[in-house]
Protein backbone atom coordinates (compact mmCIF):
# COMPACT_ATOMS: atom_id res chain seq x y z
CA UNK A 1 12.10 -4.85 -76.41
CA UNK A 2 15.26 -6.87 -77.05
CA UNK A 3 15.04 -10.46 -79.36
CA UNK A 4 17.88 -12.80 -78.59
CA UNK A 5 20.55 -14.05 -81.33
CA UNK A 6 22.72 -16.73 -81.55
CA UNK A 7 25.27 -13.82 -80.91
CA UNK A 8 23.85 -13.09 -77.57
CA UNK A 9 24.20 -16.66 -76.44
CA UNK A 10 27.85 -16.96 -77.88
CA UNK A 11 28.77 -13.74 -76.61
CA UNK A 12 27.61 -15.36 -73.10
CA UNK A 13 29.07 -18.61 -73.72
CA UNK A 14 32.63 -17.31 -74.89
CA UNK A 15 33.11 -15.87 -71.22
CA UNK A 16 33.67 -20.19 -70.44
CA UNK A 17 36.74 -22.09 -70.02
CA UNK A 18 35.01 -25.32 -69.24
CA UNK A 19 32.00 -26.95 -70.00
CA UNK A 20 29.80 -29.91 -69.04
CA UNK A 21 29.10 -32.23 -72.22
CA UNK A 22 26.53 -34.43 -71.49
CA UNK A 23 26.24 -37.53 -74.21
CA UNK A 24 23.84 -40.30 -74.58
CA UNK A 25 25.49 -43.51 -72.54
CA UNK A 26 23.42 -47.45 -72.65
CA UNK A 27 22.50 -46.49 -69.22
CA UNK A 28 21.48 -42.91 -69.63
CA UNK A 29 22.84 -39.41 -69.71
CA UNK A 30 26.38 -38.90 -69.05
CA UNK A 31 28.15 -35.53 -68.30
CA UNK A 32 31.38 -34.41 -67.98
CA UNK A 33 33.28 -31.52 -67.90
CA UNK A 34 35.32 -30.60 -70.74
CA UNK A 35 38.10 -28.08 -71.90
CA UNK A 36 36.87 -25.93 -74.42
CA UNK A 37 39.79 -25.51 -77.37
CA UNK A 38 37.81 -23.59 -79.09
CA UNK A 39 34.91 -21.77 -79.93
CA UNK A 40 33.70 -20.44 -83.35
CA UNK A 41 30.41 -17.93 -83.09
CA UNK A 42 30.09 -17.49 -86.37
CA UNK A 43 29.43 -21.33 -87.36
CA UNK A 44 27.83 -21.83 -84.13
CA UNK A 45 30.19 -24.68 -83.24
CA UNK A 46 32.21 -25.63 -80.02
CA UNK A 47 35.49 -27.83 -80.06
CA UNK A 48 36.76 -29.84 -77.57
CA UNK A 49 40.00 -32.47 -77.85
CA UNK A 50 39.28 -36.14 -76.67
CA UNK A 51 40.90 -39.47 -76.79
CA UNK A 52 39.53 -41.75 -79.77
CA UNK A 53 39.74 -44.42 -76.84
CA UNK A 54 37.22 -42.62 -74.29
CA UNK A 55 34.14 -43.94 -73.20
CA UNK A 56 32.40 -40.65 -74.71
CA UNK A 57 33.63 -41.44 -78.21
CA UNK A 58 31.28 -44.79 -78.16
CA UNK A 59 28.37 -42.65 -76.89
CA UNK A 60 29.20 -40.62 -79.98
CA UNK A 61 29.23 -42.87 -82.49
CA UNK A 62 25.91 -44.42 -81.09
CA UNK A 63 24.02 -41.45 -80.54
CA UNK A 64 25.53 -38.11 -81.99
CA UNK A 65 23.12 -35.97 -80.27
CA UNK A 66 24.50 -34.30 -77.22
CA UNK A 67 23.86 -31.58 -74.75
CA UNK A 68 26.43 -28.70 -73.61
CA UNK A 69 25.63 -26.61 -70.68
CA UNK A 70 28.16 -23.57 -69.33
CA UNK A 71 27.15 -22.08 -65.65
CA UNK A 72 29.37 -19.79 -63.77
CA UNK A 73 29.29 -16.19 -62.30
CA UNK A 74 25.18 -15.79 -62.16
CA UNK A 75 25.33 -16.99 -66.12
CA UNK A 76 24.22 -19.88 -67.57
CA UNK A 77 23.47 -21.30 -70.66
CA UNK A 78 22.14 -25.12 -72.26
CA UNK A 79 22.78 -25.55 -75.97
CA UNK A 80 21.71 -28.46 -77.48
CA UNK A 81 23.09 -29.60 -80.98
CA UNK A 82 24.79 -32.61 -82.47
CA UNK A 83 28.86 -34.01 -82.31
CA UNK A 84 31.02 -35.23 -84.90
CA UNK A 85 34.61 -37.05 -84.48
CA UNK A 86 37.25 -35.46 -86.04
CA UNK A 87 40.67 -36.74 -86.98
CA UNK A 88 41.95 -34.40 -89.08
CA UNK A 89 45.42 -33.56 -88.45
CA UNK A 90 45.82 -30.30 -89.64
CA UNK A 91 42.94 -29.31 -87.34
CA UNK A 92 44.53 -31.07 -84.55
CA UNK A 93 47.89 -29.27 -85.63
CA UNK A 94 46.24 -25.68 -85.63
CA UNK A 95 44.38 -26.14 -82.32
CA UNK A 96 47.18 -27.73 -80.15
CA UNK A 97 47.77 -26.25 -76.75
CA UNK A 98 51.14 -27.39 -74.88
CA UNK A 99 48.90 -28.23 -71.49
CA UNK A 100 47.06 -30.84 -73.42
CA UNK A 101 50.28 -32.86 -72.84
CA UNK A 102 49.07 -34.01 -69.67
CA UNK A 103 46.44 -36.20 -71.09
CA UNK A 104 48.76 -36.59 -74.53
CA UNK A 105 52.23 -37.42 -73.37
CA UNK A 106 53.28 -37.75 -76.99
CA UNK A 107 51.82 -34.47 -78.20
CA UNK A 108 49.65 -33.42 -81.01
CA UNK A 109 51.18 -36.65 -83.00
CA UNK A 110 49.64 -38.59 -80.37
CA UNK A 111 47.53 -41.39 -82.93
CA UNK A 112 44.60 -41.58 -80.31
CA UNK A 113 43.92 -37.21 -80.31
CA UNK A 114 40.85 -36.32 -81.97
CA UNK A 115 39.07 -33.33 -81.78
CA UNK A 116 34.90 -33.22 -81.02
CA UNK A 117 33.06 -30.55 -83.24
CA UNK A 118 29.72 -29.37 -81.46
CA UNK A 119 27.51 -28.01 -84.10
CA UNK A 120 24.56 -26.00 -81.98
CA UNK A 121 21.01 -26.69 -82.81
CA UNK A 122 19.16 -24.62 -80.08
CA UNK A 123 20.07 -22.79 -76.85
CA UNK A 124 19.35 -20.87 -74.21
CA UNK A 125 20.48 -18.86 -71.42
CA UNK A 126 19.83 -16.93 -68.13
CA UNK A 127 22.02 -13.69 -67.40
CA UNK A 128 21.72 -12.18 -63.91
CA UNK A 129 25.04 -10.99 -63.85
CA UNK A 130 26.21 -7.15 -63.23
CA UNK A 131 23.22 -5.05 -64.90
CA UNK A 132 21.05 -7.62 -65.74
CA UNK A 133 21.33 -8.69 -61.84
CA UNK A 134 20.16 -5.34 -60.78
CA UNK A 135 17.16 -5.29 -63.16
CA UNK A 136 16.19 -8.75 -61.48
CA UNK A 137 16.36 -7.17 -58.10
CA UNK A 138 14.14 -4.29 -59.27
CA UNK A 139 11.82 -6.40 -61.32
CA UNK A 140 11.29 -9.09 -58.33
CA UNK A 141 11.08 -6.60 -55.62
CA UNK A 142 8.05 -4.76 -58.06
CA UNK A 143 6.60 -8.53 -58.51
CA UNK A 144 6.23 -8.89 -54.58
CA UNK A 145 4.92 -5.68 -53.65
CA UNK A 146 2.28 -5.72 -56.53
CA UNK A 147 1.85 -9.51 -55.98
CA UNK A 148 2.32 -10.75 -59.82
CA UNK A 149 5.19 -12.51 -61.21
CA UNK A 150 8.21 -10.70 -62.69
CA UNK A 151 8.26 -10.03 -66.37
CA UNK A 152 10.25 -12.24 -68.39
CA UNK A 153 13.56 -10.58 -69.75
CA UNK A 154 14.64 -11.44 -73.01
CA UNK A 155 18.63 -10.11 -71.94
CA UNK A 156 18.04 -12.05 -69.00
CA UNK A 157 16.42 -15.35 -70.39
CA UNK A 158 16.01 -16.32 -73.62
CA UNK A 159 15.83 -19.51 -75.93
CA UNK A 160 17.34 -19.06 -79.72
CA UNK A 161 17.27 -21.13 -82.55
CA UNK A 162 20.47 -21.44 -84.12
CA UNK A 163 19.88 -24.17 -86.79
CA UNK A 164 16.60 -24.45 -88.82
CA UNK A 165 15.12 -28.14 -89.03
CA UNK A 166 16.16 -29.53 -86.07
């Protein structure tokens, strides 16, 4: 039996360019699509770029707990963790992408640019693409014929604890 690891989760997540970032607002949950600036598999961190004047910065300052979701091509992931706001100019310089000029016309020296560092605590993924899809169809057909439910497959769906104590 396959035991899922943080590598399994982040191998799947590394296929995505966009994620949905969900923060706590005064009126409930607030989600928005965010371009992934960098993914650090070894440290279980995802980086995004933001404007310091955005509502999400206020939400993060009030409650850093967040959820990041990924979806596409029959692959899905949901990762809970905490956000921190980094104003490190050297980090911004190193991560800078020219396409960010759309949001930051003054470039990497814009005083309102910041990096959001999302540190993952726990994740869950579903992978029904490629061979996993065939395995699922076989399992579902077998369950249908026998009048049972399909057996869970850890390669298709699994929860992964990434940071202890959270």
